Amino acid sequence: MMDNSIDERFQSALLAQRDFITHLISDLVKIPSINDESGVQEYIERFFSERNFRIDIWEPRIEELRQHPAFVQVDYDYSNRKNMVVKIKGNGEGRSLTLNGHMDVVPADPLAVWK
């Protein structure tokens, strides 16, 4: 069971950054990204670079992925679909925290069904 004080501290920290988070999300959703997420990836890379975080970026090679036993056949390659790892060094010797995200933007059609 999660300690309520941790939940409350997390919520307070988020609320203290509300304007910053709202601005960040607004910037991200303004970037055209249907079937091409590269603009959003560039924004995220720039965001972390400006804050001096360590970034590792690579483009997967489909030939290598096909060799993996868990590979699922796809009808595209991974050109312009980079992977990014951002490492934020902590200030202690405690446990690590990993956050994982996925970006996949598809058309919103048919627009008539949206309100």
N, C-alpha and C. Protein backbone atom coordinates (compact mmCIF):
# COMPACT_ATOMS: atom_id res chain seq x y z
N MET A 1 0.84 -1.18 0.00
CA MET A 1 0.00 0.00 0.00
C MET A 1 0.88 1.24 0.00
N MET A 2 0.51 2.22 -0.80
CA MET A 2 1.32 3.43 -0.93
C MET A 2 1.08 4.36 0.25
N ASP A 3 2.15 4.92 0.76
CA ASP A 3 2.09 5.90 1.85
C ASP A 3 1.41 7.17 1.34
N ASN A 4 0.33 7.60 2.00
CA ASN A 4 -0.41 8.79 1.56
C ASN A 4 0.45 10.03 1.54
N SER A 5 1.44 10.11 2.43
CA SER A 5 2.28 11.31 2.46
C SER A 5 3.10 11.42 1.17
N ILE A 6 3.49 10.30 0.59
CA ILE A 6 4.22 10.33 -0.68
C ILE A 6 3.29 10.83 -1.78
N ASP A 7 2.06 10.33 -1.80
CA ASP A 7 1.08 10.76 -2.79
C ASP A 7 0.82 12.26 -2.66
N GLU A 8 0.66 12.74 -1.44
CA GLU A 8 0.40 14.16 -1.21
C GLU A 8 1.59 15.03 -1.62
N ARG A 9 2.81 14.57 -1.32
CA ARG A 9 4.00 15.34 -1.71
C ARG A 9 4.14 15.38 -3.23
N PHE A 10 3.85 14.27 -3.88
CA PHE A 10 3.91 14.21 -5.34
C PHE A 10 2.89 15.15 -5.95
N GLN A 11 1.68 15.11 -5.42
CA GLN A 11 0.62 15.98 -5.92
C GLN A 11 0.97 17.45 -5.70
N SER A 12 1.51 17.78 -4.57
CA SER A 12 1.91 19.16 -4.28
C SER A 12 3.01 19.62 -5.22
N ALA A 13 3.98 18.74 -5.48
CA ALA A 13 5.07 19.09 -6.40
C ALA A 13 4.54 19.34 -7.80
N LEU A 14 3.60 18.51 -8.25
CA LEU A 14 3.00 18.72 -9.57
C LEU A 14 2.23 20.02 -9.63
N LEU A 15 1.43 20.30 -8.62
CA LEU A 15 0.65 21.53 -8.61
C LEU A 15 1.54 22.77 -8.59
N ALA A 16 2.68 22.68 -7.93
CA ALA A 16 3.61 23.81 -7.88
C ALA A 16 4.19 24.09 -9.26
N GLN A 17 4.22 23.09 -10.13
CA GLN A 17 4.76 23.22 -11.48
C GLN A 17 3.66 23.27 -12.54
N ARG A 18 2.45 23.50 -12.12
CA ARG A 18 1.30 23.43 -13.04
C ARG A 18 1.46 24.30 -14.29
N ASP A 19 1.85 25.56 -14.12
CA ASP A 19 2.00 26.46 -15.27
C ASP A 19 3.09 25.96 -16.22
N PHE A 20 4.19 25.50 -15.66
CA PHE A 20 5.29 24.98 -16.48
C PHE A 20 4.83 23.75 -17.26
N ILE A 21 4.16 22.82 -16.58
CA ILE A 21 3.69 21.58 -17.22
C ILE A 21 2.66 21.89 -18.30
N THR A 22 1.75 22.82 -18.01
CA THR A 22 0.73 23.20 -18.99
C THR A 22 1.38 23.79 -20.24
N HIS A 23 2.38 24.65 -20.05
CA HIS A 23 3.10 25.26 -21.17
C HIS A 23 3.82 24.17 -21.99
N LEU A 24 4.48 23.26 -21.30
CA LEU A 24 5.21 22.17 -21.97
C LEU A 24 4.26 21.32 -22.82
N ILE A 25 3.15 20.90 -22.25
CA ILE A 25 2.20 20.07 -22.99
C ILE A 25 1.59 20.86 -24.15
N SER A 26 1.29 22.13 -23.94
CA SER A 26 0.75 22.97 -25.02
C SER A 26 1.73 23.04 -26.18
N ASP A 27 3.01 23.23 -25.88
CA ASP A 27 4.03 23.26 -26.92
C ASP A 27 4.06 21.94 -27.69
N LEU A 28 4.00 20.84 -26.97
CA LEU A 28 4.09 19.52 -27.61
C LEU A 28 2.91 19.25 -28.54
N VAL A 29 1.70 19.57 -28.12
CA VAL A 29 0.55 19.25 -28.96
C VAL A 29 0.41 20.18 -30.16
N LYS A 30 1.13 21.29 -30.15
CA LYS A 30 1.10 22.21 -31.30
C LYS A 30 1.98 21.72 -32.45
N ILE A 31 2.88 20.80 -32.18
CA ILE A 31 3.82 20.33 -33.19
C ILE A 31 3.12 19.32 -34.10
N PRO A 32 3.07 19.58 -35.42
CA PRO A 32 2.47 18.60 -36.33
C PRO A 32 3.20 17.26 -36.21
N SER A 33 2.44 16.19 -35.99
CA SER A 33 3.11 14.92 -35.73
C SER A 33 2.36 13.70 -36.24
N ILE A 34 1.35 13.89 -37.07
CA ILE A 34 0.60 12.74 -37.58
C ILE A 34 1.49 11.94 -38.51
N ASN A 35 1.73 10.69 -38.13
CA ASN A 35 2.58 9.75 -38.88
C ASN A 35 4.01 10.22 -39.04
N ASP A 36 4.44 11.22 -38.28
CA ASP A 36 5.84 11.66 -38.27
C ASP A 36 6.09 12.40 -36.96
N GLU A 37 6.63 11.68 -36.01
CA GLU A 37 6.84 12.21 -34.67
C GLU A 37 8.17 12.93 -34.51
N SER A 38 8.93 13.10 -35.60
CA SER A 38 10.29 13.64 -35.49
C SER A 38 10.33 15.04 -34.89
N GLY A 39 9.34 15.88 -35.18
CA GLY A 39 9.32 17.22 -34.61
C GLY A 39 9.17 17.20 -33.10
N VAL A 40 8.32 16.30 -32.61
CA VAL A 40 8.14 16.16 -31.17
C VAL A 40 9.42 15.60 -30.54
N GLN A 41 10.03 14.63 -31.21
CA GLN A 41 11.28 14.07 -30.70
C GLN A 41 12.36 15.15 -30.61
N GLU A 42 12.45 15.99 -31.61
CA GLU A 42 13.43 17.08 -31.59
C GLU A 42 13.15 18.04 -30.44
N TYR A 43 11.89 18.35 -30.21
CA TYR A 43 11.53 19.24 -29.11
C TYR A 43 11.97 18.63 -27.77
N ILE A 44 11.66 17.35 -27.58
CA ILE A 44 12.01 16.68 -26.33
C ILE A 44 13.54 16.63 -26.16
N GLU A 45 14.25 16.34 -27.24
CA GLU A 45 15.71 16.31 -27.17
C GLU A 45 16.24 17.70 -26.78
N ARG A 46 15.73 18.73 -27.41
CA ARG A 46 16.17 20.10 -27.10
C ARG A 46 15.84 20.45 -25.64
N PHE A 47 14.65 20.08 -25.19
CA PHE A 47 14.21 20.34 -23.82
C PHE A 47 15.22 19.78 -22.81
N PHE A 48 15.60 18.52 -22.98
CA PHE A 48 16.53 17.90 -22.04
C PHE A 48 17.95 18.39 -22.24
N SER A 49 18.34 18.65 -23.47
CA SER A 49 19.69 19.18 -23.74
C SER A 49 19.90 20.52 -23.04
N GLU A 50 18.90 21.39 -23.12
CA GLU A 50 18.99 22.71 -22.50
C GLU A 50 19.13 22.61 -20.99
N ARG A 51 18.76 21.49 -20.42
CA ARG A 51 18.85 21.28 -18.98
C ARG A 51 20.05 20.40 -18.62
N ASN A 52 20.91 20.18 -19.61
CA ASN A 52 22.17 19.44 -19.42
C ASN A 52 22.00 18.00 -18.95
N PHE A 53 20.92 17.35 -19.40
CA PHE A 53 20.76 15.94 -19.10
C PHE A 53 21.51 15.12 -20.14
N ARG A 54 21.94 13.94 -19.72
CA ARG A 54 22.64 13.05 -20.64
C ARG A 54 21.62 12.35 -21.53
N ILE A 55 21.83 12.42 -22.84
CA ILE A 55 20.88 11.87 -23.80
C ILE A 55 21.59 10.88 -24.72
N ASP A 56 20.96 9.75 -24.93
CA ASP A 56 21.46 8.76 -25.88
C ASP A 56 20.34 8.55 -26.89
N ILE A 57 20.63 8.79 -28.18
CA ILE A 57 19.63 8.67 -29.23
C ILE A 57 20.17 7.73 -30.31
N TRP A 58 19.34 6.85 -30.79
CA TRP A 58 19.73 5.98 -31.88
C TRP A 58 18.51 5.61 -32.69
N GLU A 59 18.77 5.24 -33.91
CA GLU A 59 17.70 4.78 -34.80
C GLU A 59 17.82 3.26 -34.90
N PRO A 60 16.78 2.53 -34.51
CA PRO A 60 16.84 1.08 -34.58
C PRO A 60 17.08 0.60 -36.01
N ARG A 61 17.81 -0.50 -36.12
CA ARG A 61 18.06 -1.09 -37.44
C ARG A 61 17.21 -2.35 -37.55
N ILE A 62 16.30 -2.31 -38.50
CA ILE A 62 15.32 -3.40 -38.67
C ILE A 62 16.02 -4.74 -38.88
N GLU A 63 17.18 -4.74 -39.55
CA GLU A 63 17.90 -6.00 -39.79
C GLU A 63 18.31 -6.65 -38.47
N GLU A 64 18.75 -5.83 -37.52
CA GLU A 64 19.14 -6.36 -36.21
C GLU A 64 17.92 -6.81 -35.43
N LEU A 65 16.85 -6.03 -35.48
CA LEU A 65 15.64 -6.38 -34.73
C LEU A 65 15.05 -7.70 -35.20
N ARG A 66 15.13 -7.98 -36.49
CA ARG A 66 14.58 -9.23 -37.04
C ARG A 66 15.26 -10.46 -36.43
N GLN A 67 16.47 -10.30 -35.94
CA GLN A 67 17.20 -11.43 -35.36
C GLN A 67 16.72 -11.77 -33.95
N HIS A 68 15.98 -10.87 -33.34
CA HIS A 68 15.53 -11.11 -31.97
C HIS A 68 14.34 -12.08 -31.98
N PRO A 69 14.32 -13.05 -31.05
CA PRO A 69 13.23 -14.03 -31.04
C PRO A 69 11.85 -13.43 -30.80
N ALA A 70 11.77 -12.26 -30.19
CA ALA A 70 10.47 -11.64 -29.90
C ALA A 70 10.04 -10.65 -30.99
N PHE A 71 10.80 -10.58 -32.08
CA PHE A 71 10.48 -9.62 -33.14
C PHE A 71 9.12 -9.95 -33.75
N VAL A 72 8.33 -8.90 -33.95
CA VAL A 72 7.03 -9.03 -34.62
C VAL A 72 7.16 -8.35 -35.98
N GLN A 73 6.82 -9.07 -37.03
CA GLN A 73 6.94 -8.54 -38.39
C GLN A 73 6.09 -7.28 -38.56
N VAL A 74 6.67 -6.25 -39.15
CA VAL A 74 5.96 -5.01 -39.43
C VAL A 74 6.13 -4.67 -40.90
N ASP A 75 5.27 -3.80 -41.41
CA ASP A 75 5.34 -3.45 -42.83
C ASP A 75 6.02 -2.10 -43.04
N TYR A 76 6.92 -1.73 -42.14
CA TYR A 76 7.68 -0.49 -42.25
C TYR A 76 9.05 -0.71 -41.63
N ASP A 77 9.96 0.22 -41.88
CA ASP A 77 11.23 0.15 -41.17
C ASP A 77 11.20 1.23 -40.08
N TYR A 78 12.29 1.46 -39.44
CA TYR A 78 12.30 2.41 -38.33
C TYR A 78 13.04 3.69 -38.69
N SER A 79 13.10 4.01 -39.97
CA SER A 79 13.73 5.26 -40.39
C SER A 79 12.98 6.43 -39.78
N ASN A 80 13.74 7.37 -39.26
CA ASN A 80 13.18 8.58 -38.65
C ASN A 80 12.28 8.27 -37.45
N ARG A 81 12.53 7.15 -36.81
CA ARG A 81 11.78 6.76 -35.60
C ARG A 81 12.80 6.43 -34.51
N LYS A 82 13.42 7.46 -34.02
CA LYS A 82 14.53 7.28 -33.09
C LYS A 82 14.05 6.83 -31.71
N ASN A 83 14.96 6.18 -31.01
CA ASN A 83 14.78 5.87 -29.60
C ASN A 83 15.63 6.85 -28.82
N MET A 84 15.17 7.21 -27.64
CA MET A 84 15.89 8.17 -26.82
C MET A 84 15.88 7.72 -25.37
N VAL A 85 17.04 7.78 -24.76
CA VAL A 85 17.16 7.53 -23.32
C VAL A 85 17.75 8.79 -22.71
N VAL A 86 17.09 9.31 -21.67
CA VAL A 86 17.57 10.49 -20.97
C VAL A 86 17.92 10.05 -19.55
N LYS A 87 19.15 10.34 -19.16
CA LYS A 87 19.60 9.95 -17.83
C LYS A 87 19.73 11.20 -16.96
N ILE A 88 19.05 11.16 -15.84
CA ILE A 88 19.09 12.25 -14.88
C ILE A 88 19.78 11.70 -13.64
N LYS A 89 20.96 12.18 -13.39
CA LYS A 89 21.75 11.69 -12.26
C LYS A 89 21.13 12.15 -10.94
N GLY A 90 20.95 11.22 -10.05
CA GLY A 90 20.42 11.54 -8.73
C GLY A 90 21.51 12.12 -7.84
N ASN A 91 21.14 12.42 -6.63
CA ASN A 91 22.12 13.00 -5.72
C ASN A 91 22.45 12.08 -4.56
N GLY A 92 22.13 10.84 -4.70
CA GLY A 92 22.41 9.88 -3.64
C GLY A 92 22.75 8.52 -4.21
N GLU A 93 22.84 7.57 -3.34
CA GLU A 93 23.18 6.20 -3.74
C GLU A 93 21.96 5.28 -3.66
N GLY A 94 20.78 5.89 -3.64
CA GLY A 94 19.55 5.12 -3.49
C GLY A 94 19.13 4.41 -4.77
N ARG A 95 17.92 3.97 -4.77
CA ARG A 95 17.37 3.22 -5.89
C ARG A 95 17.14 4.14 -7.09
N SER A 96 17.04 3.54 -8.25
CA SER A 96 16.80 4.27 -9.49
C SER A 96 15.32 4.25 -9.82
N LEU A 97 14.91 5.22 -10.63
CA LEU A 97 13.55 5.30 -11.11
C LEU A 97 13.61 5.35 -12.63
N THR A 98 12.82 4.53 -13.27
CA THR A 98 12.76 4.51 -14.73
C THR A 98 11.37 4.93 -15.18
N LEU A 99 11.32 5.90 -16.07
CA LEU A 99 10.06 6.30 -16.69
C LEU A 99 10.15 5.94 -18.16
N ASN A 100 9.11 5.35 -18.68
CA ASN A 100 9.12 4.87 -20.05
C ASN A 100 7.93 5.49 -20.78
N GLY A 101 8.19 6.03 -21.96
CA GLY A 101 7.10 6.61 -22.72
C GLY A 101 7.11 6.10 -24.15
N HIS A 102 6.01 6.29 -24.81
CA HIS A 102 5.88 5.86 -26.20
C HIS A 102 5.11 6.93 -26.95
N MET A 103 5.55 7.22 -28.14
CA MET A 103 4.92 8.24 -28.94
C MET A 103 4.46 7.61 -30.25
N ASP A 104 3.21 7.75 -30.54
CA ASP A 104 2.65 7.20 -31.76
C ASP A 104 1.46 8.06 -32.13
N VAL A 105 1.58 8.89 -33.12
CA VAL A 105 0.50 9.81 -33.48
C VAL A 105 -0.11 9.35 -34.80
N VAL A 106 -1.41 9.19 -34.77
CA VAL A 106 -2.14 8.75 -35.96
C VAL A 106 -3.22 9.76 -36.29
N PRO A 107 -3.74 9.76 -37.51
CA PRO A 107 -4.79 10.72 -37.88
C PRO A 107 -6.02 10.58 -36.99
N ALA A 108 -6.70 11.68 -36.77
CA ALA A 108 -7.91 11.70 -35.93
C ALA A 108 -9.17 11.48 -36.76
N ASP A 109 -9.02 11.13 -38.02
CA ASP A 109 -10.18 10.94 -38.90
C ASP A 109 -11.06 9.80 -38.41
N PRO A 110 -12.32 9.86 -38.63
CA PRO A 110 -13.07 10.94 -39.27
C PRO A 110 -13.34 12.07 -38.26
N LEU A 111 -13.02 13.29 -38.65
CA LEU A 111 -13.16 14.44 -37.77
C LEU A 111 -14.60 14.69 -37.37
N ALA A 112 -15.56 14.27 -38.19
CA ALA A 112 -16.97 14.51 -37.90
C ALA A 112 -17.44 13.86 -36.60
N VAL A 113 -16.76 12.82 -36.14
CA VAL A 113 -17.19 12.15 -34.92
C VAL A 113 -16.67 12.83 -33.65
N TRP A 114 -15.79 13.83 -33.81
CA TRP A 114 -15.23 14.52 -32.64
C TRP A 114 -16.10 15.69 -32.25
N LYS A 115 -16.26 15.92 -30.96
CA LYS A 115 -17.03 17.06 -30.46
C LYS A 115 -16.09 18.03 -29.77
